[in-house]
PDB file of all heavy atoms in Angstrom:
ATOM      1  N   LEU A   1       5.354 -87.913-112.548  1.00  0.00           N
ATOM      2  CA  LEU A   1       5.412 -86.570-112.019  1.00  0.00           C
ATOM      3  C   LEU A   1       4.336 -85.680-112.431  1.00  0.00           C
ATOM      4  O   LEU A   1       3.831 -84.868-111.802  1.00  0.00           O
ATOM      5  CB  LEU A   1       6.796 -85.927-112.390  1.00  0.00           C
ATOM      6  CG  LEU A   1       8.000 -86.585-111.709  1.00  0.00           C
ATOM      7  CD1 LEU A   1       9.309 -86.163-112.258  1.00  0.00           C
ATOM      8  CD2 LEU A   1       7.943 -86.408-110.221  1.00  0.00           C
ATOM      9  N   SER A   2       3.929 -85.979-113.673  1.00  0.00           N
ATOM     10  CA  SER A   2       2.811 -85.047-114.146  1.00  0.00           C
ATOM     11  C   SER A   2       1.455 -85.481-113.548  1.00  0.00           C
ATOM     12  O   SER A   2       0.630 -84.590-113.334  1.00  0.00           O
ATOM     13  CB  SER A   2       2.713 -85.207-115.767  1.00  0.00           C
ATOM     14  OG  SER A   2       3.901 -84.743-116.401  1.00  0.00           O
ATOM     15  N   LEU A   3       1.304 -86.774-113.282  1.00  0.00           N
ATOM     16  CA  LEU A   3       0.029 -87.158-112.680  1.00  0.00           C
ATOM     17  C   LEU A   3      -0.140 -86.564-111.234  1.00  0.00           C
ATOM     18  O   LEU A   3      -1.145 -86.188-110.766  1.00  0.00           O
ATOM     19  CB  LEU A   3       0.113 -88.667-112.485  1.00  0.00           C
ATOM     20  CG  LEU A   3      -0.349 -89.603-113.752  1.00  0.00           C
ATOM     21  CD1 LEU A   3      -0.223 -91.002-113.508  1.00  0.00           C
ATOM     22  CD2 LEU A   3      -1.687 -89.221-114.140  1.00  0.00           C
ATOM     23  N   GLY A   4       0.972 -86.489-110.529  1.00  0.00           N
ATOM     24  CA  GLY A   4       0.987 -86.046-109.149  1.00  0.00           C
ATOM     25  C   GLY A   4       0.976 -84.438-109.040  1.00  0.00           C
ATOM     26  O   GLY A   4       0.960 -83.997-107.888  1.00  0.00           O
ATOM     27  N   ASP A   5       1.228 -83.626-110.126  1.00  0.00           N
ATOM     28  CA  ASP A   5       1.453 -82.305-110.004  1.00  0.00           C
ATOM     29  C   ASP A   5       0.148 -81.629-109.947  1.00  0.00           C
ATOM     30  O   ASP A   5      -0.807 -82.018-110.564  1.00  0.00           O
ATOM     31  CB  ASP A   5       2.153 -81.775-111.172  1.00  0.00           C
ATOM     32  CG  ASP A   5       2.697 -80.345-110.970  1.00  0.00           C
ATOM     33  OD1 ASP A   5       1.981 -79.437-111.395  1.00  0.00           O
ATOM     34  OD2 ASP A   5       3.903 -80.181-110.716  1.00  0.00           O
ATOM     35  N   TYR A   6       0.177 -80.483-109.190  1.00  0.00           N
ATOM     36  CA  TYR A   6      -0.988 -79.689-109.080  1.00  0.00           C
ATOM     37  C   TYR A   6      -0.743 -78.164-109.026  1.00  0.00           C
ATOM     38  O   TYR A   6      -1.573 -77.298-109.276  1.00  0.00           O
ATOM     39  CB  TYR A   6      -1.883 -79.970-107.904  1.00  0.00           C
ATOM     40  CG  TYR A   6      -1.398 -79.509-106.607  1.00  0.00           C
ATOM     41  CD1 TYR A   6      -1.905 -78.310-105.994  1.00  0.00           C
ATOM     42  CD2 TYR A   6      -0.396 -80.245-105.873  1.00  0.00           C
ATOM     43  CE1 TYR A   6      -1.442 -77.888-104.784  1.00  0.00           C
ATOM     44  CE2 TYR A   6       0.043 -79.801-104.618  1.00  0.00           C
ATOM     45  CZ  TYR A   6      -0.447 -78.608-104.194  1.00  0.00           C
ATOM     46  OH  TYR A   6       0.009 -78.237-102.938  1.00  0.00           O
ATOM     47  N   ILE A   7       0.557 -77.829-108.656  1.00  0.00           N
ATOM     48  CA  ILE A   7       0.956 -76.469-108.504  1.00  0.00           C
ATOM     49  C   ILE A   7       1.035 -75.737-109.910  1.00  0.00           C
ATOM     50  O   ILE A   7       0.634 -74.554-109.966  1.00  0.00           O
ATOM     51  CB  ILE A   7       2.275 -76.231-107.759  1.00  0.00           C
ATOM     52  CG1 ILE A   7       2.159 -76.882-106.481  1.00  0.00           C
ATOM     53  CG2 ILE A   7       2.831 -74.879-107.775  1.00  0.00           C
ATOM     54  CD1 ILE A   7       3.593 -76.921-105.519  1.00  0.00           C
ATOM     55  N   ALA A   8       1.431 -76.553-110.908  1.00  0.00           N
ATOM     56  CA  ALA A   8       1.418 -75.935-112.222  1.00  0.00           C
ATOM     57  C   ALA A   8       0.004 -75.495-112.631  1.00  0.00           C
ATOM     58  O   ALA A   8      -0.258 -74.508-113.233  1.00  0.00           O
ATOM     59  CB  ALA A   8       1.973 -76.922-113.277  1.00  0.00           C
ATOM     60  N   ALA A   9      -0.960 -76.505-112.347  1.00  0.00           N
ATOM     61  CA  ALA A   9      -2.395 -76.111-112.649  1.00  0.00           C
ATOM     62  C   ALA A   9      -2.858 -75.004-111.902  1.00  0.00           C
ATOM     63  O   ALA A   9      -3.723 -74.157-112.475  1.00  0.00           O
ATOM     64  CB  ALA A   9      -3.168 -77.293-112.561  1.00  0.00           C
ATOM     65  N   LYS A  10      -2.448 -74.869-110.651  1.00  0.00           N
ATOM     66  CA  LYS A  10      -2.856 -73.750-109.929  1.00  0.00           C
ATOM     67  C   LYS A  10      -2.419 -72.366-110.323  1.00  0.00           C
ATOM     68  O   LYS A  10      -3.118 -71.376-110.284  1.00  0.00           O
ATOM     69  CB  LYS A  10      -2.475 -73.998-108.431  1.00  0.00           C
ATOM     70  CG  LYS A  10      -2.961 -72.917-107.439  1.00  0.00           C
ATOM     71  CD  LYS A  10      -2.397 -73.323-105.982  1.00  0.00           C
ATOM     72  CE  LYS A  10      -2.878 -72.171-104.989  1.00  0.00           C
ATOM     73  NZ  LYS A  10      -2.443 -72.499-103.676  1.00  0.00           N
ATOM     74  N   PHE A  11      -1.192 -72.362-110.792  1.00  0.00           N
ATOM     75  CA  PHE A  11      -0.647 -70.974-111.142  1.00  0.00           C
ATOM     76  C   PHE A  11      -0.666 -70.680-112.725  1.00  0.00           C
ATOM     77  O   PHE A  11      -0.640 -69.434-112.955  1.00  0.00           O
ATOM     78  CB  PHE A  11       0.941 -70.927-110.677  1.00  0.00           C
ATOM     79  CG  PHE A  11       1.031 -70.848-109.248  1.00  0.00           C
ATOM     80  CD1 PHE A  11       1.257 -71.874-108.374  1.00  0.00           C
ATOM     81  CD2 PHE A  11       0.822 -69.561-108.691  1.00  0.00           C
ATOM     82  CE1 PHE A  11       1.407 -71.720-107.091  1.00  0.00           C
ATOM     83  CE2 PHE A  11       0.976 -69.461-107.216  1.00  0.00           C
ATOM     84  CZ  PHE A  11       1.215 -70.572-106.395  1.00  0.00           C
ATOM     85  N   VAL A  12      -0.689 -71.740-113.505  1.00  0.00           N
ATOM     86  CA  VAL A  12      -0.698 -71.294-114.940  1.00  0.00           C
ATOM     87  C   VAL A  12      -1.807 -71.998-115.639  1.00  0.00           C
ATOM     88  O   VAL A  12      -2.054 -71.992-116.821  1.00  0.00           O
ATOM     89  CB  VAL A  12       0.612 -71.788-115.693  1.00  0.00           C
ATOM     90  CG1 VAL A  12       1.782 -70.918-115.121  1.00  0.00           C
ATOM     91  CG2 VAL A  12       0.948 -73.268-115.578  1.00  0.00           C
ATOM     92  N   GLY A  13      -2.650 -72.793-114.842  1.00  0.00           N
ATOM     93  CA  GLY A  13      -3.782 -73.457-115.465  1.00  0.00           C
ATOM     94  C   GLY A  13      -5.017 -72.843-115.608  1.00  0.00           C
ATOM     95  O   GLY A  13      -6.036 -73.351-116.104  1.00  0.00           O
ATOM     96  N   GLY A  14      -5.169 -71.646-114.890  1.00  0.00           N
ATOM     97  CA  GLY A  14      -6.405 -70.964-114.964  1.00  0.00           C
ATOM     98  C   GLY A  14      -7.450 -71.653-114.187  1.00  0.00           C
ATOM     99  O   GLY A  14      -7.240 -71.994-113.021  1.00  0.00           O
ATOM    100  N   SER A  15      -8.650 -72.177-114.820  1.00  0.00           N
ATOM    101  CA  SER A  15      -9.608 -72.939-114.149  1.00  0.00           C
ATOM    102  C   SER A  15      -9.360 -74.439-114.305  1.00  0.00           C
ATOM    103  O   SER A  15     -10.258 -75.230-113.956  1.00  0.00           O
ATOM    104  CB  SER A  15     -10.876 -72.601-114.717  1.00  0.00           C
ATOM    105  OG  SER A  15     -11.018 -72.746-116.084  1.00  0.00           O
ATOM    106  N   THR A  16      -8.260 -74.789-114.789  1.00  0.00           N
ATOM    107  CA  THR A  16      -7.886 -76.248-115.044  1.00  0.00           C
ATOM    108  C   THR A  16      -7.933 -76.896-113.685  1.00  0.00           C
ATOM    109  O   THR A  16      -7.191 -76.636-112.816  1.00  0.00           O
ATOM    110  CB  THR A  16      -6.664 -76.407-115.799  1.00  0.00           C
ATOM    111  OG1 THR A  16      -6.665 -75.703-117.067  1.00  0.00           O
ATOM    112  CG2 THR A  16      -6.326 -77.842-116.148  1.00  0.00           C
ATOM    113  N   GLN A  17      -8.632 -78.065-113.653  1.00  0.00           N
ATOM    114  CA  GLN A  17      -8.680 -79.001-112.487  1.00  0.00           C
ATOM    115  C   GLN A  17      -7.924 -80.251-112.820  1.00  0.00           C
ATOM    116  O   GLN A  17      -8.178 -80.928-113.767  1.00  0.00           O
ATOM    117  CB  GLN A  17     -10.078 -79.238-112.070  1.00  0.00           C
ATOM    118  CG  GLN A  17     -10.906 -78.025-111.556  1.00  0.00           C
ATOM    119  CD  GLN A  17     -10.458 -77.546-110.274  1.00  0.00           C
ATOM    120  OE1 GLN A  17     -10.143 -78.298-109.227  1.00  0.00           O
ATOM    121  NE2 GLN A  17     -10.209 -76.251-110.165  1.00  0.00           N
ATOM    122  N   MET A  18      -6.929 -80.682-111.848  1.00  0.00           N
ATOM    123  CA  MET A  18      -6.257 -81.929-112.021  1.00  0.00           C
ATOM    124  C   MET A  18      -6.529 -82.837-110.761  1.00  0.00           C
ATOM    125  O   MET A  18      -7.028 -82.302-109.797  1.00  0.00           O
ATOM    126  CB  MET A  18      -4.765 -81.622-112.255  1.00  0.00           C
ATOM    127  CG  MET A  18      -4.510 -80.848-113.623  1.00  0.00           C
ATOM    128  SD  MET A  18      -2.719 -80.613-113.943  1.00  0.00           S
ATOM    129  CE  MET A  18      -2.187 -82.410-114.086  1.00  0.00           C
ATOM    130  N   ILE A  19      -5.946 -83.953-110.807  1.00  0.00           N
ATOM    131  CA  ILE A  19      -6.086 -84.854-109.673  1.00  0.00           C
ATOM    132  C   ILE A  19      -5.498 -84.245-108.449  1.00  0.00           C
ATOM    133  O   ILE A  19      -6.127 -84.172-107.372  1.00  0.00           O
ATOM    134  CB  ILE A  19      -5.448 -86.160-109.948  1.00  0.00           C
ATOM    135  CG1 ILE A  19      -6.196 -87.029-111.012  1.00  0.00           C
ATOM    136  CG2 ILE A  19      -5.326 -86.963-108.662  1.00  0.00           C
ATOM    137  CD1 ILE A  19      -5.527 -88.380-111.354  1.00  0.00           C
ATOM    138  N   GLY A  20      -4.304 -83.538-108.559  1.00  0.00           N
ATOM    139  CA  GLY A  20      -3.717 -82.954-107.410  1.00  0.00           C
ATOM    140  C   GLY A  20      -4.463 -81.688-106.745  1.00  0.00           C
ATOM    141  O   GLY A  20      -4.556 -81.516-105.613  1.00  0.00           O
ATOM    142  N   THR A  21      -5.233 -81.077-107.659  1.00  0.00           N
ATOM    143  CA  THR A  21      -6.116 -79.934-107.367  1.00  0.00           C
ATOM    144  C   THR A  21      -7.261 -80.440-106.558  1.00  0.00           C
ATOM    145  O   THR A  21      -7.601 -79.825-105.443  1.00  0.00           O
ATOM    146  CB  THR A  21      -6.610 -79.187-108.528  1.00  0.00           C
ATOM    147  OG1 THR A  21      -5.484 -78.967-109.487  1.00  0.00           O
ATOM    148  CG2 THR A  21      -7.253 -77.954-108.200  1.00  0.00           C
ATOM    149  N   ILE A  22      -7.886 -81.563-106.932  1.00  0.00           N
ATOM    150  CA  ILE A  22      -8.889 -82.079-106.160  1.00  0.00           C
ATOM    151  C   ILE A  22      -8.364 -82.520-104.731  1.00  0.00           C
ATOM    152  O   ILE A  22      -9.082 -82.294-103.677  1.00  0.00           O
ATOM    153  CB  ILE A  22      -9.653 -83.268-106.911  1.00  0.00           C
ATOM    154  CG1 ILE A  22     -10.109 -82.757-108.275  1.00  0.00           C
ATOM    155  CG2 ILE A  22     -10.758 -83.827-106.031  1.00  0.00           C
ATOM    156  CD1 ILE A  22     -11.147 -81.710-108.201  1.00  0.00           C
ATOM    157  N   ILE A  23      -7.281 -83.210-104.780  1.00  0.00           N
ATOM    158  CA  ILE A  23      -6.678 -83.714-103.479  1.00  0.00           C
ATOM    159  C   ILE A  23      -6.499 -82.598-102.538  1.00  0.00           C
ATOM    160  O   ILE A  23      -6.726 -82.481-101.283  1.00  0.00           O
ATOM    161  CB  ILE A  23      -5.441 -84.601-103.763  1.00  0.00           C
ATOM    162  CG1 ILE A  23      -5.799 -85.852-104.563  1.00  0.00           C
ATOM    163  CG2 ILE A  23      -4.811 -84.889-102.384  1.00  0.00           C
ATOM    164  CD1 ILE A  23      -4.547 -86.523-104.955  1.00  0.00           C
ATOM    165  N   ALA A  24      -5.853 -81.444-103.053  1.00  0.00           N
ATOM    166  CA  ALA A  24      -5.333 -80.433-102.286  1.00  0.00           C
ATOM    167  C   ALA A  24      -6.565 -79.685-101.605  1.00  0.00           C
ATOM    168  O   ALA A  24      -6.619 -79.277-100.483  1.00  0.00           O
ATOM    169  CB  ALA A  24      -4.641 -79.381-103.027  1.00  0.00           C
ATOM    170  N   SER A  25      -7.723 -79.504-102.519  1.00  0.00           N
ATOM    171  CA  SER A  25      -8.905 -78.784-101.932  1.00  0.00           C
ATOM    172  C   SER A  25      -9.785 -79.676-101.043  1.00  0.00           C
ATOM    173  O   SER A  25     -10.498 -79.009-100.265  1.00  0.00           O
ATOM    174  CB  SER A  25      -9.885 -78.486-103.215  1.00  0.00           C
ATOM    175  OG  SER A  25     -10.321 -79.626-103.842  1.00  0.00           O
ATOM    176  N   ASN A  26      -9.536 -80.945-100.864  1.00  0.00           N
ATOM    177  CA  ASN A  26     -10.222 -81.763 -99.934  1.00  0.00           C
ATOM    178  C   ASN A  26      -9.425 -82.391 -98.794  1.00  0.00           C
ATOM    179  O   ASN A  26      -9.977 -82.941 -97.855  1.00  0.00           O
ATOM    180  CB  ASN A  26     -10.772 -82.994-100.617  1.00  0.00           C
ATOM    181  CG  ASN A  26     -12.033 -82.689-101.488  1.00  0.00           C
ATOM    182  OD1 ASN A  26     -13.157 -82.504-101.034  1.00  0.00           O
ATOM    183  ND2 ASN A  26     -11.844 -82.570-102.894  1.00  0.00           N
ATOM    184  N   ILE A  27      -8.060 -81.802 -98.640  1.00  0.00           N
ATOM    185  CA  ILE A  27      -7.338 -82.377 -97.560  1.00  0.00           C
ATOM    186  C   ILE A  27      -8.019 -81.964 -96.162  1.00  0.00           C
ATOM    187  O   ILE A  27      -8.010 -82.795 -95.278  1.00  0.00           O
ATOM    188  CB  ILE A  27      -5.886 -81.924 -97.749  1.00  0.00           C
ATOM    189  CG1 ILE A  27      -5.232 -82.645 -98.781  1.00  0.00           C
ATOM    190  CG2 ILE A  27      -5.070 -81.957 -96.406  1.00  0.00           C
ATOM    191  CD1 ILE A  27      -3.762 -82.182 -99.043  1.00  0.00           C
ATOM    192  N   ASN A  28      -8.325 -80.707 -96.104  1.00  0.00           N
ATOM    193  CA  ASN A  28      -8.948 -80.235 -95.031  1.00  0.00           C
ATOM    194  C   ASN A  28     -10.436 -80.412 -94.779  1.00  0.00           C
ATOM    195  O   ASN A  28     -11.109 -80.623 -93.736  1.00  0.00           O
ATOM    196  CB  ASN A  28      -8.737 -78.688 -94.724  1.00  0.00           C
ATOM    197  CG  ASN A  28      -7.122 -78.552 -94.491  1.00  0.00           C
ATOM    198  OD1 ASN A  28      -6.527 -79.356 -93.848  1.00  0.00           O
ATOM    199  ND2 ASN A  28      -6.624 -77.425 -95.097  1.00  0.00           N
ATOM    200  N   LEU A  29     -11.168 -80.238 -95.916  1.00  0.00           N
ATOM    201  CA  LEU A  29     -12.634 -80.235 -96.122  1.00  0.00           C
ATOM    202  C   LEU A  29     -13.180 -81.712 -95.955  1.00  0.00           C
ATOM    203  O   LEU A  29     -14.052 -81.954 -95.147  1.00  0.00           O
ATOM    204  CB  LEU A  29     -13.151 -79.636 -97.368  1.00  0.00           C
ATOM    205  CG  LEU A  29     -12.897 -78.082 -97.451  1.00  0.00           C
ATOM    206  CD1 LEU A  29     -13.437 -77.557 -98.729  1.00  0.00           C
ATOM    207  CD2 LEU A  29     -13.574 -77.341 -96.292  1.00  0.00           C
ATOM    208  N   ASN A  30     -12.533 -82.676 -96.667  1.00  0.00           N
ATOM    209  CA  ASN A  30     -12.927 -84.070 -96.773  1.00  0.00           C
ATOM    210  C   ASN A  30     -11.717 -85.006 -96.953  1.00  0.00           C
ATOM    211  O   ASN A  30     -11.646 -85.438 -97.999  1.00  0.00           O
ATOM    212  CB  ASN A  30     -14.007 -84.121 -97.815  1.00  0.00           C
ATOM    213  CG  ASN A  30     -14.868 -85.471 -97.655  1.00  0.00           C
ATOM    214  OD1 ASN A  30     -14.380 -86.388 -97.048  1.00  0.00           O
ATOM    215  ND2 ASN A  30     -16.105 -85.397 -98.199  1.00  0.00           N
TER     216      ASN A  30
END
């Protein structure tokens, strides 16, 4: 569950990038 999470990093992670963050940012772009 921690591997697939990205909402926590988005709201309380500041500039922290996780795997889920990269996936979410590329779903529409690439």
